Amino acid sequence: MHCTVFETNSGCSSPIASRNIQVDFNDVSPSHPFHDFVDTVARNQITVGCGNGNYCPDQQIPRSQMAVFLLKAKYGSDHTPPPATGTVFNDVPIGSFAAAWIEELAAIGVTGGCGNGNFCPDDPVTRAQMAVFLLKDLLGSDYVPPPASGTIFSDVPSGS
């Protein structure tokens, strides 16, 4: 079923928003292994996809978009970060896309950037970076995971 959710639309699960939100994307069929996860982030207004009714499930996510996703997931879709100052990261000027989101992510201790005073907003988020972002976003900036055993994933050695 391809539907758009409106505040009073009872045809798609529970009403979630006053604006329309794409729920089932053209490129994520119900048989797609991640359909339910994609559907959930859409229903919670963490993402509206990549455009034209698509989600682009195989596309990499830039660090700038990840900042927005993380804060919407943490605080809700209506969250608005404080205005950007343009002084937190050298490569995130005040008027750039997601500047306020990136600066708030730094302010709450989820990121310190990518090094040398930069955030690298256009770089793709690696799976390792995503793990750190998610855990610090959900569990707090002071969270330190237990030492890795090196036995769960063959490509993640102990001490990684």
N, C-alpha and C. Protein backbone atom coordinates (compact mmCIF):
# COMPACT_ATOMS: atom_id res chain seq x y z
N MET A 1 0.84 -1.19 0.00
CA MET A 1 0.00 0.00 0.00
C MET A 1 0.87 1.24 0.00
N HIS A 2 0.65 2.12 -0.89
CA HIS A 2 1.36 3.38 -0.97
C HIS A 2 0.42 4.45 -0.42
N CYS A 3 0.82 5.11 0.66
CA CYS A 3 -0.07 6.12 1.23
C CYS A 3 0.72 7.30 1.76
N THR A 4 0.03 8.37 1.95
CA THR A 4 0.56 9.57 2.55
C THR A 4 -0.26 9.82 3.80
N VAL A 5 0.42 10.14 4.88
CA VAL A 5 -0.26 10.34 6.15
C VAL A 5 -0.60 11.81 6.35
N PHE A 6 -1.84 12.07 6.68
CA PHE A 6 -2.28 13.40 7.05
C PHE A 6 -2.79 13.35 8.48
N GLU A 7 -2.94 14.48 9.09
CA GLU A 7 -3.36 14.53 10.49
C GLU A 7 -4.66 13.76 10.70
N THR A 8 -5.56 13.80 9.79
CA THR A 8 -6.85 13.14 9.99
C THR A 8 -7.03 11.90 9.14
N ASN A 9 -5.98 11.45 8.48
CA ASN A 9 -6.08 10.29 7.61
C ASN A 9 -6.06 9.01 8.44
N SER A 10 -7.14 8.27 8.44
CA SER A 10 -7.19 7.03 9.20
C SER A 10 -6.80 5.82 8.35
N GLY A 11 -6.49 6.03 7.08
CA GLY A 11 -6.13 4.93 6.20
C GLY A 11 -4.73 4.40 6.42
N CYS A 12 -3.91 5.11 7.15
CA CYS A 12 -2.52 4.71 7.37
C CYS A 12 -2.21 4.72 8.85
N SER A 13 -2.36 3.61 9.50
CA SER A 13 -1.97 3.47 10.91
C SER A 13 -2.51 4.63 11.72
N SER A 14 -1.66 5.17 12.61
CA SER A 14 -2.13 6.27 13.45
C SER A 14 -1.75 7.61 12.84
N PRO A 15 -2.57 8.63 13.06
CA PRO A 15 -2.24 9.95 12.55
C PRO A 15 -0.98 10.47 13.23
N ILE A 16 -0.07 11.05 12.46
CA ILE A 16 1.17 11.50 13.08
C ILE A 16 1.56 12.93 12.78
N ALA A 17 1.00 13.55 11.79
CA ALA A 17 1.52 14.86 11.43
C ALA A 17 0.48 15.75 10.80
N SER A 18 0.74 17.05 10.90
CA SER A 18 -0.16 17.98 10.26
C SER A 18 0.24 18.20 8.80
N ARG A 19 1.43 17.78 8.41
CA ARG A 19 1.82 17.86 7.00
C ARG A 19 1.89 16.45 6.45
N ASN A 20 1.83 16.31 5.15
CA ASN A 20 1.84 14.96 4.62
C ASN A 20 3.25 14.38 4.63
N ILE A 21 3.35 13.11 4.93
CA ILE A 21 4.62 12.41 5.06
C ILE A 21 4.54 11.15 4.22
N GLN A 22 5.52 10.95 3.38
CA GLN A 22 5.59 9.72 2.60
C GLN A 22 5.83 8.56 3.55
N VAL A 23 5.06 7.52 3.43
CA VAL A 23 5.22 6.36 4.31
C VAL A 23 5.83 5.20 3.56
N ASP A 24 5.16 4.68 2.56
CA ASP A 24 5.73 3.60 1.77
C ASP A 24 6.38 4.22 0.54
N PHE A 25 7.69 4.07 0.45
CA PHE A 25 8.44 4.68 -0.63
C PHE A 25 8.41 3.79 -1.86
N ASN A 26 8.48 4.40 -3.03
CA ASN A 26 8.46 3.67 -4.30
C ASN A 26 9.57 2.64 -4.40
N ASP A 27 10.72 2.93 -3.79
CA ASP A 27 11.88 2.06 -3.94
C ASP A 27 12.14 1.16 -2.73
N VAL A 28 11.16 1.08 -1.82
CA VAL A 28 11.27 0.18 -0.66
C VAL A 28 9.96 -0.60 -0.57
N SER A 29 9.92 -1.72 -1.28
CA SER A 29 8.69 -2.53 -1.32
C SER A 29 8.45 -3.19 0.03
N PRO A 30 7.23 -3.61 0.29
CA PRO A 30 6.94 -4.32 1.55
C PRO A 30 7.80 -5.56 1.75
N SER A 31 8.33 -6.12 0.68
CA SER A 31 9.19 -7.30 0.83
C SER A 31 10.66 -6.94 1.06
N HIS A 32 11.00 -5.67 0.98
CA HIS A 32 12.38 -5.22 1.22
C HIS A 32 12.75 -5.56 2.66
N PRO A 33 13.96 -6.08 2.90
CA PRO A 33 14.33 -6.50 4.26
C PRO A 33 14.30 -5.37 5.29
N PHE A 34 14.40 -4.12 4.86
CA PHE A 34 14.40 -3.00 5.80
C PHE A 34 13.13 -2.16 5.73
N HIS A 35 12.10 -2.67 5.05
CA HIS A 35 10.86 -1.91 4.87
C HIS A 35 10.30 -1.39 6.19
N ASP A 36 10.16 -2.24 7.17
CA ASP A 36 9.53 -1.82 8.42
C ASP A 36 10.35 -0.76 9.15
N PHE A 37 11.66 -0.83 9.04
CA PHE A 37 12.52 0.17 9.68
C PHE A 37 12.39 1.51 8.95
N VAL A 38 12.43 1.47 7.63
CA VAL A 38 12.28 2.67 6.83
C VAL A 38 10.91 3.30 7.08
N ASP A 39 9.88 2.46 7.11
CA ASP A 39 8.52 2.93 7.38
C ASP A 39 8.45 3.63 8.74
N THR A 40 9.13 3.06 9.73
CA THR A 40 9.10 3.63 11.08
C THR A 40 9.78 4.99 11.14
N VAL A 41 10.93 5.14 10.49
CA VAL A 41 11.58 6.46 10.52
C VAL A 41 10.76 7.49 9.75
N ALA A 42 10.07 7.06 8.73
CA ALA A 42 9.20 7.99 7.99
C ALA A 42 7.99 8.38 8.84
N ARG A 43 7.34 7.40 9.45
CA ARG A 43 6.17 7.69 10.29
C ARG A 43 6.52 8.61 11.47
N ASN A 44 7.75 8.50 11.95
CA ASN A 44 8.18 9.35 13.05
C ASN A 44 8.82 10.64 12.58
N GLN A 45 8.70 10.91 11.29
CA GLN A 45 9.16 12.15 10.67
C GLN A 45 10.63 12.43 10.89
N ILE A 46 11.42 11.37 10.95
CA ILE A 46 12.86 11.52 11.03
C ILE A 46 13.42 11.77 9.64
N THR A 47 12.75 11.23 8.62
CA THR A 47 13.14 11.45 7.24
C THR A 47 11.91 11.52 6.36
N VAL A 48 12.05 12.21 5.25
CA VAL A 48 11.00 12.22 4.23
C VAL A 48 11.52 11.59 2.95
N GLY A 49 12.67 10.92 3.05
CA GLY A 49 13.23 10.26 1.88
C GLY A 49 14.14 11.18 1.10
N CYS A 50 14.44 10.77 -0.12
CA CYS A 50 15.40 11.51 -0.95
C CYS A 50 14.71 12.27 -2.09
N GLY A 51 13.39 12.18 -2.18
CA GLY A 51 12.65 12.93 -3.20
C GLY A 51 11.91 12.05 -4.18
N ASN A 52 10.91 12.60 -4.79
CA ASN A 52 10.10 11.92 -5.80
C ASN A 52 9.49 10.62 -5.31
N GLY A 53 9.14 10.56 -4.03
CA GLY A 53 8.52 9.36 -3.47
C GLY A 53 9.50 8.23 -3.20
N ASN A 54 10.78 8.53 -3.24
CA ASN A 54 11.81 7.51 -3.00
C ASN A 54 12.52 7.73 -1.68
N TYR A 55 13.10 6.65 -1.18
CA TYR A 55 13.91 6.69 0.03
C TYR A 55 15.40 6.57 -0.30
N CYS A 56 15.74 5.90 -1.39
CA CYS A 56 17.13 5.67 -1.81
C CYS A 56 17.88 4.84 -0.77
N PRO A 57 17.41 3.62 -0.51
CA PRO A 57 17.96 2.80 0.58
C PRO A 57 19.43 2.45 0.42
N ASP A 58 19.97 2.49 -0.77
CA ASP A 58 21.37 2.14 -0.97
C ASP A 58 22.29 3.36 -1.05
N GLN A 59 21.71 4.53 -0.92
CA GLN A 59 22.49 5.76 -1.00
C GLN A 59 23.18 6.02 0.34
N GLN A 60 24.39 6.53 0.30
CA GLN A 60 25.10 6.90 1.52
C GLN A 60 24.47 8.15 2.12
N ILE A 61 24.60 8.28 3.42
CA ILE A 61 24.07 9.44 4.14
C ILE A 61 25.23 10.37 4.49
N PRO A 62 25.15 11.64 4.10
CA PRO A 62 26.19 12.58 4.52
C PRO A 62 26.06 12.89 6.01
N ARG A 63 27.17 13.25 6.61
CA ARG A 63 27.20 13.55 8.04
C ARG A 63 26.21 14.67 8.40
N SER A 64 26.00 15.63 7.49
CA SER A 64 25.06 16.72 7.76
C SER A 64 23.64 16.18 7.94
N GLN A 65 23.22 15.27 7.07
CA GLN A 65 21.88 14.69 7.19
C GLN A 65 21.77 13.82 8.44
N MET A 66 22.85 13.12 8.78
CA MET A 66 22.82 12.27 9.97
C MET A 66 22.59 13.12 11.22
N ALA A 67 23.16 14.32 11.25
CA ALA A 67 22.95 15.22 12.38
C ALA A 67 21.46 15.52 12.56
N VAL A 68 20.78 15.80 11.46
CA VAL A 68 19.34 16.08 11.51
C VAL A 68 18.58 14.84 11.97
N PHE A 69 18.88 13.69 11.39
CA PHE A 69 18.20 12.43 11.77
C PHE A 69 18.35 12.16 13.27
N LEU A 70 19.57 12.30 13.77
CA LEU A 70 19.83 11.98 15.18
C LEU A 70 19.04 12.87 16.13
N LEU A 71 19.02 14.17 15.83
CA LEU A 71 18.32 15.08 16.73
C LEU A 71 16.80 14.94 16.63
N LYS A 72 16.28 14.65 15.43
CA LYS A 72 14.85 14.39 15.32
C LYS A 72 14.48 13.10 16.05
N ALA A 73 15.34 12.10 15.97
CA ALA A 73 15.08 10.85 16.68
C ALA A 73 15.11 11.07 18.18
N LYS A 74 16.02 11.90 18.64
CA LYS A 74 16.18 12.15 20.08
C LYS A 74 15.07 13.03 20.65
N TYR A 75 14.76 14.13 19.95
CA TYR A 75 13.86 15.14 20.50
C TYR A 75 12.50 15.20 19.85
N GLY A 76 12.29 14.50 18.76
CA GLY A 76 11.01 14.52 18.07
C GLY A 76 11.07 15.37 16.82
N SER A 77 10.12 15.11 15.95
CA SER A 77 10.13 15.75 14.63
C SER A 77 9.87 17.25 14.68
N ASP A 78 9.29 17.75 15.76
CA ASP A 78 9.02 19.18 15.87
C ASP A 78 10.20 19.97 16.43
N HIS A 79 11.26 19.27 16.79
CA HIS A 79 12.42 19.93 17.39
C HIS A 79 13.06 20.91 16.41
N THR A 80 13.42 22.07 16.93
CA THR A 80 14.17 23.05 16.17
C THR A 80 15.41 23.39 16.98
N PRO A 81 16.58 23.20 16.41
CA PRO A 81 17.79 23.51 17.16
C PRO A 81 17.98 25.02 17.32
N PRO A 82 18.80 25.41 18.28
CA PRO A 82 19.11 26.84 18.40
C PRO A 82 19.78 27.34 17.12
N PRO A 83 19.70 28.63 16.86
CA PRO A 83 20.33 29.16 15.65
C PRO A 83 21.83 28.87 15.62
N ALA A 84 22.34 28.64 14.44
CA ALA A 84 23.77 28.38 14.27
C ALA A 84 24.57 29.66 14.48
N THR A 85 25.80 29.48 14.95
CA THR A 85 26.71 30.61 15.12
C THR A 85 27.74 30.67 14.00
N GLY A 86 27.98 29.53 13.37
CA GLY A 86 29.01 29.46 12.33
C GLY A 86 30.41 29.43 12.89
N THR A 87 30.53 29.24 14.21
CA THR A 87 31.85 29.28 14.85
C THR A 87 32.28 27.94 15.45
N VAL A 88 31.48 26.92 15.31
CA VAL A 88 31.79 25.64 15.96
C VAL A 88 32.75 24.81 15.11
N PHE A 89 32.49 24.70 13.83
CA PHE A 89 33.36 23.95 12.92
C PHE A 89 33.78 24.83 11.76
N ASN A 90 35.04 24.71 11.36
CA ASN A 90 35.59 25.52 10.26
C ASN A 90 34.83 25.33 8.96
N ASP A 91 34.32 24.12 8.71
CA ASP A 91 33.68 23.81 7.43
C ASP A 91 32.16 23.83 7.49
N VAL A 92 31.59 24.44 8.55
CA VAL A 92 30.13 24.56 8.67
C VAL A 92 29.80 26.03 8.92
N PRO A 93 29.73 26.83 7.84
CA PRO A 93 29.39 28.24 8.01
C PRO A 93 27.94 28.42 8.44
N ILE A 94 27.65 29.55 8.97
CA ILE A 94 26.35 29.84 9.57
C ILE A 94 25.17 29.56 8.64
N GLY A 95 25.28 29.81 7.35
CA GLY A 95 24.16 29.63 6.44
C GLY A 95 24.09 28.27 5.77
N SER A 96 24.98 27.37 6.13
CA SER A 96 25.00 26.08 5.43
C SER A 96 23.88 25.16 5.90
N PHE A 97 23.54 24.22 5.00
CA PHE A 97 22.52 23.24 5.32
C PHE A 97 22.87 22.54 6.63
N ALA A 98 21.95 22.45 7.51
CA ALA A 98 22.06 21.71 8.77
C ALA A 98 23.05 22.31 9.75
N ALA A 99 23.50 23.53 9.54
CA ALA A 99 24.48 24.13 10.46
C ALA A 99 23.97 24.12 11.90
N ALA A 100 22.73 24.51 12.10
CA ALA A 100 22.18 24.54 13.46
C ALA A 100 22.12 23.13 14.07
N TRP A 101 21.76 22.15 13.25
CA TRP A 101 21.68 20.77 13.71
C TRP A 101 23.06 20.24 14.07
N ILE A 102 24.03 20.54 13.24
CA ILE A 102 25.40 20.08 13.47
C ILE A 102 25.96 20.71 14.75
N GLU A 103 25.74 21.99 14.91
CA GLU A 103 26.24 22.67 16.11
C GLU A 103 25.56 22.15 17.37
N GLU A 104 24.26 21.85 17.29
CA GLU A 104 23.60 21.30 18.48
C GLU A 104 24.14 19.91 18.80
N LEU A 105 24.38 19.10 17.78
CA LEU A 105 24.93 17.77 17.99
C LEU A 105 26.29 17.87 18.71
N ALA A 106 27.07 18.86 18.37
CA ALA A 106 28.35 19.09 19.06
C ALA A 106 28.10 19.58 20.49
N ALA A 107 27.13 20.48 20.65
CA ALA A 107 26.85 21.05 21.97
C ALA A 107 26.41 20.00 22.99
N ILE A 108 25.70 18.98 22.53
CA ILE A 108 25.25 17.94 23.46
C ILE A 108 26.27 16.81 23.57
N GLY A 109 27.42 16.97 22.92
CA GLY A 109 28.51 16.03 23.08
C GLY A 109 28.45 14.77 22.25
N VAL A 110 27.61 14.76 21.22
CA VAL A 110 27.49 13.57 20.39
C VAL A 110 28.63 13.51 19.37
N THR A 111 29.14 14.67 18.97
CA THR A 111 30.24 14.69 18.00
C THR A 111 31.25 15.77 18.36
N GLY A 112 32.47 15.49 18.02
CA GLY A 112 33.53 16.48 18.12
C GLY A 112 34.05 16.83 16.73
N GLY A 113 33.35 16.31 15.72
CA GLY A 113 33.74 16.56 14.35
C GLY A 113 34.61 15.45 13.81
N CYS A 114 35.28 15.74 12.71
CA CYS A 114 36.10 14.74 12.02
C CYS A 114 37.59 15.04 12.15
N GLY A 115 37.92 16.08 12.87
CA GLY A 115 39.33 16.42 13.09
C GLY A 115 39.69 17.79 12.56
N ASN A 116 40.71 18.38 13.15
CA ASN A 116 41.24 19.68 12.72
C ASN A 116 40.19 20.78 12.72
N GLY A 117 39.24 20.73 13.64
CA GLY A 117 38.21 21.76 13.74
C GLY A 117 37.13 21.67 12.70
N ASN A 118 37.05 20.55 11.99
CA ASN A 118 36.05 20.36 10.94
C ASN A 118 35.01 19.32 11.34
N PHE A 119 33.86 19.38 10.67
CA PHE A 119 32.81 18.38 10.83
C PHE A 119 32.73 17.45 9.63
N CYS A 120 33.16 17.90 8.47
CA CYS A 120 33.10 17.12 7.22
C CYS A 120 31.64 16.81 6.86
N PRO A 121 30.79 17.85 6.72
CA PRO A 121 29.36 17.64 6.54
C PRO A 121 28.96 16.86 5.29
N ASP A 122 29.80 16.87 4.26
CA ASP A 122 29.45 16.17 3.03
C ASP A 122 30.01 14.76 2.96
N ASP A 123 30.86 14.39 3.91
CA ASP A 123 31.41 13.03 3.93
C ASP A 123 30.32 12.04 4.33
N PRO A 124 30.37 10.85 3.77
CA PRO A 124 29.39 9.84 4.20
C PRO A 124 29.69 9.37 5.62
N VAL A 125 28.66 8.99 6.32
CA VAL A 125 28.81 8.45 7.66
C VAL A 125 29.22 6.99 7.52
N THR A 126 30.33 6.63 8.15
CA THR A 126 30.72 5.23 8.14
C THR A 126 29.87 4.48 9.16
N ARG A 127 29.84 3.18 9.04
CA ARG A 127 29.08 2.37 10.00
C ARG A 127 29.66 2.52 11.41
N ALA A 128 30.97 2.66 11.52
CA ALA A 128 31.61 2.85 12.82
C ALA A 128 31.19 4.19 13.43
N GLN A 129 31.21 5.26 12.62
CA GLN A 129 30.78 6.56 13.11
C GLN A 129 29.31 6.52 13.52
N MET A 130 28.49 5.83 12.71
CA MET A 130 27.08 5.73 13.02
C MET A 130 26.87 5.08 14.39
N ALA A 131 27.63 4.03 14.70
CA ALA A 131 27.50 3.36 15.99
C ALA A 131 27.78 4.33 17.13
N VAL A 132 28.84 5.13 17.00
CA VAL A 132 29.17 6.10 18.04
C VAL A 132 28.08 7.17 18.13
N PHE A 133 27.67 7.73 16.98
CA PHE A 133 26.61 8.74 16.97
C PHE A 133 25.35 8.22 17.68
N LEU A 134 24.90 7.04 17.30
CA LEU A 134 23.66 6.51 17.86
C LEU A 134 23.76 6.29 19.36
N LEU A 135 24.84 5.66 19.80
CA LEU A 135 24.97 5.37 21.24
C LEU A 135 25.10 6.64 22.07
N LYS A 136 25.87 7.60 21.61
CA LYS A 136 26.00 8.86 22.36
C LYS A 136 24.69 9.66 22.31
N ASP A 137 23.99 9.60 21.19
CA ASP A 137 22.71 10.30 21.07
C ASP A 137 21.68 9.70 22.03
N LEU A 138 21.64 8.38 22.10
CA LEU A 138 20.65 7.70 22.93
C LEU A 138 21.04 7.61 24.40
N LEU A 139 22.33 7.40 24.66
CA LEU A 139 22.76 7.10 26.04
C LEU A 139 23.55 8.22 26.70
N GLY A 140 23.81 9.28 25.98
CA GLY A 140 24.51 10.44 26.55
C GLY A 140 25.95 10.53 26.11
N SER A 141 26.47 11.74 26.16
CA SER A 141 27.82 12.00 25.66
C SER A 141 28.90 11.33 26.49
N ASP A 142 28.60 10.97 27.71
CA ASP A 142 29.59 10.32 28.58
C ASP A 142 29.62 8.81 28.41
N TYR A 143 28.72 8.28 27.60
CA TYR A 143 28.64 6.83 27.44
C TYR A 143 29.94 6.27 26.86
N VAL A 144 30.44 5.23 27.50
CA VAL A 144 31.59 4.50 27.01
C VAL A 144 31.18 3.03 26.97
N PRO A 145 31.23 2.41 25.82
CA PRO A 145 30.81 1.01 25.74
C PRO A 145 31.83 0.10 26.43
N PRO A 146 31.39 -1.09 26.79
CA PRO A 146 32.35 -2.04 27.36
C PRO A 146 33.40 -2.39 26.32
N PRO A 147 34.57 -2.84 26.75
CA PRO A 147 35.62 -3.19 25.78
C PRO A 147 35.13 -4.24 24.78
N ALA A 148 35.54 -4.05 23.53
CA ALA A 148 35.15 -5.00 22.49
C ALA A 148 35.89 -6.32 22.69
N SER A 149 35.18 -7.40 22.51
CA SER A 149 35.78 -8.73 22.67
C SER A 149 36.53 -9.16 21.41
N GLY A 150 36.17 -8.56 20.28
CA GLY A 150 36.78 -8.95 19.02
C GLY A 150 36.23 -10.26 18.47
N THR A 151 35.13 -10.74 19.08
CA THR A 151 34.58 -12.03 18.65
C THR A 151 33.22 -11.93 17.98
N ILE A 152 32.59 -10.77 17.99
CA ILE A 152 31.25 -10.64 17.42
C ILE A 152 31.30 -10.46 15.91
N PHE A 153 32.15 -9.53 15.44
CA PHE A 153 32.29 -9.30 14.01
C PHE A 153 33.76 -9.55 13.65
N SER A 154 33.97 -10.33 12.63
CA SER A 154 35.34 -10.69 12.26
C SER A 154 36.16 -9.49 11.77
N ASP A 155 35.51 -8.42 11.33
CA ASP A 155 36.23 -7.26 10.85
C ASP A 155 36.34 -6.15 11.89
N VAL A 156 35.98 -6.44 13.14
CA VAL A 156 36.11 -5.48 14.23
C VAL A 156 36.94 -6.14 15.33
N PRO A 157 38.27 -5.94 15.28
CA PRO A 157 39.13 -6.58 16.27
C PRO A 157 38.99 -5.94 17.65
N SER A 158 39.38 -6.67 18.66
CA SER A 158 39.41 -6.14 20.02
C SER A 158 40.24 -4.87 20.03
N GLY A 159 39.77 -3.85 20.72
CA GLY A 159 40.48 -2.59 20.80
C GLY A 159 40.16 -1.61 19.68
N SER A 160 39.31 -2.03 18.75
CA SER A 160 38.96 -1.16 17.64
C SER A 160 38.09 -0.03 18.13
